[in-house]
Amino acid sequence: MMFKILVIQAANNLSDERTEFLINDRLSFVRFSGLGLEDRAPDARTIRLFLEKLTKSGTIRTLFDRFDAALRASGYFKSRFRGGNCAPYATVGKGANVSSSSEIAKPHRKWQKTL
C-alpha cells in the first residue's frame, strides 16, 4: 500500500501533505492504494518516513525500476518513471518537479505559462 502511495505522489508531483489530503479526498486514490472506505490514509509524516527509509536503504530505485519494467512489459504506455526521470528517491513529497536531487526545482510544465 505504501509503495502505491509513492507512485500516486510521484505521478502527480505531490507534496506529502497534498498526498495525504488527496488520498482522503479522491475515491480513485483510495482504490488504487488498496485502502477501504473505512480505512485511514497514512498521514504526511508516515509517508515521508517511509520514503526516507527506502531511500536510506537504497531500495527506492530498485522498486521504481521494477515498477517501470512492469509498466513497459504490460504495453499500456511508456512509463514516465523510466531511467529515474521521476526521481522519487530524491524528490517525492517535496512537491518538486526535478530529475535529479542536484537539479533546481521547476514548476510543472502545464503551469509554467501561468507563472
C-alpha atoms as a PDB file:
ATOM      1  CA  MET A   1       0.000   0.000   0.000  1.00  0.00           C
ATOM      2  CA  MET A   2       2.733   2.495   0.893  1.00  0.00           C
ATOM      3  CA  PHE A   3       4.571   1.956  -2.392  1.00  0.00           C
ATOM      4  CA  LYS A   4       1.331   2.614  -4.266  1.00  0.00           C
ATOM      5  CA  ILE A   5       1.045   5.881  -2.364  1.00  0.00           C
ATOM      6  CA  LEU A   6       4.559   6.818  -3.513  1.00  0.00           C
ATOM      7  CA  VAL A   7       3.500   6.024  -7.084  1.00  0.00           C
ATOM      8  CA  ILE A   8       0.495   8.352  -6.724  1.00  0.00           C
ATOM      9  CA  GLN A   9       2.760  11.005  -5.273  1.00  0.00           C
ATOM     10  CA  ALA A  10       5.423  10.708  -7.971  1.00  0.00           C
ATOM     11  CA  ALA A  11       2.967  10.503 -10.874  1.00  0.00           C
ATOM     12  CA  ASN A  12       1.120  13.608  -9.712  1.00  0.00           C
ATOM     13  CA  ASN A  13       4.101  15.576  -8.370  1.00  0.00           C
ATOM     14  CA  LEU A  14       2.535  15.935  -4.909  1.00  0.00           C
ATOM     15  CA  SER A  15       3.900  17.009  -1.559  1.00  0.00           C
ATOM     16  CA  ASP A  16       3.426  14.696   1.423  1.00  0.00           C
ATOM     17  CA  GLU A  17       0.642  16.899   2.801  1.00  0.00           C
ATOM     18  CA  ARG A  18      -1.152  17.115  -0.535  1.00  0.00           C
ATOM     19  CA  THR A  19      -0.846  13.346  -0.994  1.00  0.00           C
ATOM     20  CA  GLU A  20      -2.462  12.750   2.388  1.00  0.00           C
ATOM     21  CA  PHE A  21      -5.275  15.162   1.545  1.00  0.00           C
ATOM     22  CA  LEU A  22      -5.969  13.695  -1.902  1.00  0.00           C
ATOM     23  CA  ILE A  23      -5.978  10.103  -0.663  1.00  0.00           C
ATOM     24  CA  ASN A  24      -8.678  11.149   1.794  1.00  0.00           C
ATOM     25  CA  ASP A  25     -10.482  13.165  -0.882  1.00  0.00           C
ATOM     26  CA  ARG A  26     -10.394  11.076  -4.081  1.00  0.00           C
ATOM     27  CA  LEU A  27     -12.039   7.704  -4.316  1.00  0.00           C
ATOM     28  CA  SER A  28      -9.754   6.738  -7.209  1.00  0.00           C
ATOM     29  CA  PHE A  29      -6.672   7.286  -4.993  1.00  0.00           C
ATOM     30  CA  VAL A  30      -8.254   5.281  -2.168  1.00  0.00           C
ATOM     31  CA  ARG A  31      -8.996   2.398  -4.528  1.00  0.00           C
ATOM     32  CA  PHE A  32      -5.567   2.477  -6.194  1.00  0.00           C
ATOM     33  CA  SER A  33      -3.749   2.482  -2.857  1.00  0.00           C
ATOM     34  CA  GLY A  34      -5.733  -0.540  -1.677  1.00  0.00           C
ATOM     35  CA  LEU A  35      -7.423   1.232   1.206  1.00  0.00           C
ATOM     36  CA  GLY A  36     -11.048   0.679   2.035  1.00  0.00           C
ATOM     37  CA  LEU A  37     -13.504   3.491   2.635  1.00  0.00           C
ATOM     38  CA  GLU A  38     -13.335   2.795   6.359  1.00  0.00           C
ATOM     39  CA  ASP A  39      -9.505   2.818   6.461  1.00  0.00           C
ATOM     40  CA  ARG A  40      -7.436   5.809   7.476  1.00  0.00           C
ATOM     41  CA  ALA A  41      -4.904   7.063   4.980  1.00  0.00           C
ATOM     42  CA  PRO A  42      -1.347   7.400   6.246  1.00  0.00           C
ATOM     43  CA  ASP A  43      -0.507  10.932   7.324  1.00  0.00           C
ATOM     44  CA  ALA A  44       2.152  13.091   5.668  1.00  0.00           C
ATOM     45  CA  ARG A  45       4.756  12.230   8.309  1.00  0.00           C
ATOM     46  CA  THR A  46       4.270   8.488   7.766  1.00  0.00           C
ATOM     47  CA  ILE A  47       4.627   8.915   4.008  1.00  0.00           C
ATOM     48  CA  ARG A  48       7.827  10.946   4.474  1.00  0.00           C
ATOM     49  CA  LEU A  49       9.325   8.428   6.943  1.00  0.00           C
ATOM     50  CA  PHE A  50       8.552   5.518   4.597  1.00  0.00           C
ATOM     51  CA  LEU A  51      10.254   7.288   1.710  1.00  0.00           C
ATOM     52  CA  GLU A  52      13.272   8.162   3.864  1.00  0.00           C
ATOM     53  CA  LYS A  53      13.686   4.533   4.972  1.00  0.00           C
ATOM     54  CA  LEU A  54      13.540   3.302   1.381  1.00  0.00           C
ATOM     55  CA  THR A  55      15.975   5.985   0.287  1.00  0.00           C
ATOM     56  CA  LYS A  56      18.485   5.265   3.075  1.00  0.00           C
ATOM     57  CA  SER A  57      18.369   1.531   2.392  1.00  0.00           C
ATOM     58  CA  GLY A  58      18.827   2.108  -1.342  1.00  0.00           C
ATOM     59  CA  THR A  59      15.681   0.179  -2.245  1.00  0.00           C
ATOM     60  CA  ILE A  60      13.651   3.003  -3.756  1.00  0.00           C
ATOM     61  CA  ARG A  61      15.465   2.982  -7.094  1.00  0.00           C
ATOM     62  CA  THR A  62      15.082  -0.796  -7.401  1.00  0.00           C
ATOM     63  CA  LEU A  63      11.360  -0.616  -6.626  1.00  0.00           C
ATOM     64  CA  PHE A  64      10.683   2.101  -9.180  1.00  0.00           C
ATOM     65  CA  ASP A  65      12.860   0.364 -11.775  1.00  0.00           C
ATOM     66  CA  ARG A  66      10.789  -2.807 -11.321  1.00  0.00           C
ATOM     67  CA  PHE A  67       7.586  -0.795 -11.473  1.00  0.00           C
ATOM     68  CA  ASP A  68       8.778   0.844 -14.677  1.00  0.00           C
ATOM     69  CA  ALA A  69       9.671  -2.530 -16.190  1.00  0.00           C
ATOM     70  CA  ALA A  70       6.220  -3.895 -15.335  1.00  0.00           C
ATOM     71  CA  LEU A  71       4.533  -0.893 -16.967  1.00  0.00           C
ATOM     72  CA  ARG A  72       6.578  -1.234 -20.133  1.00  0.00           C
ATOM     73  CA  ALA A  73       6.033  -5.008 -20.262  1.00  0.00           C
ATOM     74  CA  SER A  74       2.272  -4.540 -19.931  1.00  0.00           C
ATOM     75  CA  GLY A  75       2.228  -2.411 -23.064  1.00  0.00           C
ATOM     76  CA  TYR A  76      -0.212   0.105 -21.592  1.00  0.00           C
ATOM     77  CA  PHE A  77       2.062   3.090 -22.090  1.00  0.00           C
ATOM     78  CA  LYS A  78       5.630   4.242 -21.936  1.00  0.00           C
ATOM     79  CA  SER A  79       6.420   4.918 -18.330  1.00  0.00           C
ATOM     80  CA  ARG A  80       7.425   8.376 -17.204  1.00  0.00           C
ATOM     81  CA  PHE A  81       9.440   6.728 -14.426  1.00  0.00           C
ATOM     82  CA  ARG A  82      11.998   5.280 -16.875  1.00  0.00           C
ATOM     83  CA  GLY A  83      15.631   5.980 -16.122  1.00  0.00           C
ATOM     84  CA  GLY A  84      14.914   7.695 -12.844  1.00  0.00           C
ATOM     85  CA  ASN A  85      13.359  10.720 -14.566  1.00  0.00           C
ATOM     86  CA  CYS A  86      10.718  10.825 -11.900  1.00  0.00           C
ATOM     87  CA  ALA A  87      13.393  10.617  -9.184  1.00  0.00           C
ATOM     88  CA  PRO A  88      11.032   9.592  -6.374  1.00  0.00           C
ATOM     89  CA  TYR A  89      14.083   8.585  -4.368  1.00  0.00           C
ATOM     90  CA  ALA A  90      15.114  12.236  -4.146  1.00  0.00           C
ATOM     91  CA  THR A  91      12.077  14.454  -4.623  1.00  0.00           C
ATOM     92  CA  VAL A  92       8.762  12.758  -3.928  1.00  0.00           C
ATOM     93  CA  GLY A  93       6.913  14.588  -1.208  1.00  0.00           C
ATOM     94  CA  LYS A  94       8.766  17.842  -1.631  1.00  0.00           C
ATOM     95  CA  GLY A  95       6.477  18.976  -4.432  1.00  0.00           C
ATOM     96  CA  ALA A  96       9.443  19.490  -6.740  1.00  0.00           C
ATOM     97  CA  ASN A  97       9.464  18.548 -10.395  1.00  0.00           C
ATOM     98  CA  VAL A  98      13.110  17.582 -10.828  1.00  0.00           C
ATOM     99  CA  SER A  99      15.001  14.775 -12.498  1.00  0.00           C
ATOM    100  CA  SER A 100      17.856  14.629 -10.005  1.00  0.00           C
ATOM    101  CA  SER A 101      18.489  15.811  -6.489  1.00  0.00           C
ATOM    102  CA  SER A 102      21.059  18.330  -7.748  1.00  0.00           C
ATOM    103  CA  GLU A 103      18.706  19.965 -10.245  1.00  0.00           C
ATOM    104  CA  ILE A 104      16.805  23.095  -9.244  1.00  0.00           C
ATOM    105  CA  ALA A 105      13.086  22.569  -8.743  1.00  0.00           C
ATOM    106  CA  LYS A 106      10.981  23.636 -11.715  1.00  0.00           C
ATOM    107  CA  PRO A 107       7.245  24.193 -11.931  1.00  0.00           C
ATOM    108  CA  HIS A 108       5.233  21.510 -13.633  1.00  0.00           C
ATOM    109  CA  ARG A 109       5.087  22.035 -17.442  1.00  0.00           C
ATOM    110  CA  LYS A 110       1.386  22.819 -17.597  1.00  0.00           C
ATOM    111  CA  TRP A 111       1.778  25.607 -15.006  1.00  0.00           C
ATOM    112  CA  GLN A 112       4.847  27.278 -16.480  1.00  0.00           C
ATOM    113  CA  LYS A 113       2.798  29.578 -18.711  1.00  0.00           C
ATOM    114  CA  THR A 114       0.807  30.924 -15.756  1.00  0.00           C
ATOM    115  CA  LEU A 115       3.807  31.650 -13.548  1.00  0.00           C
END
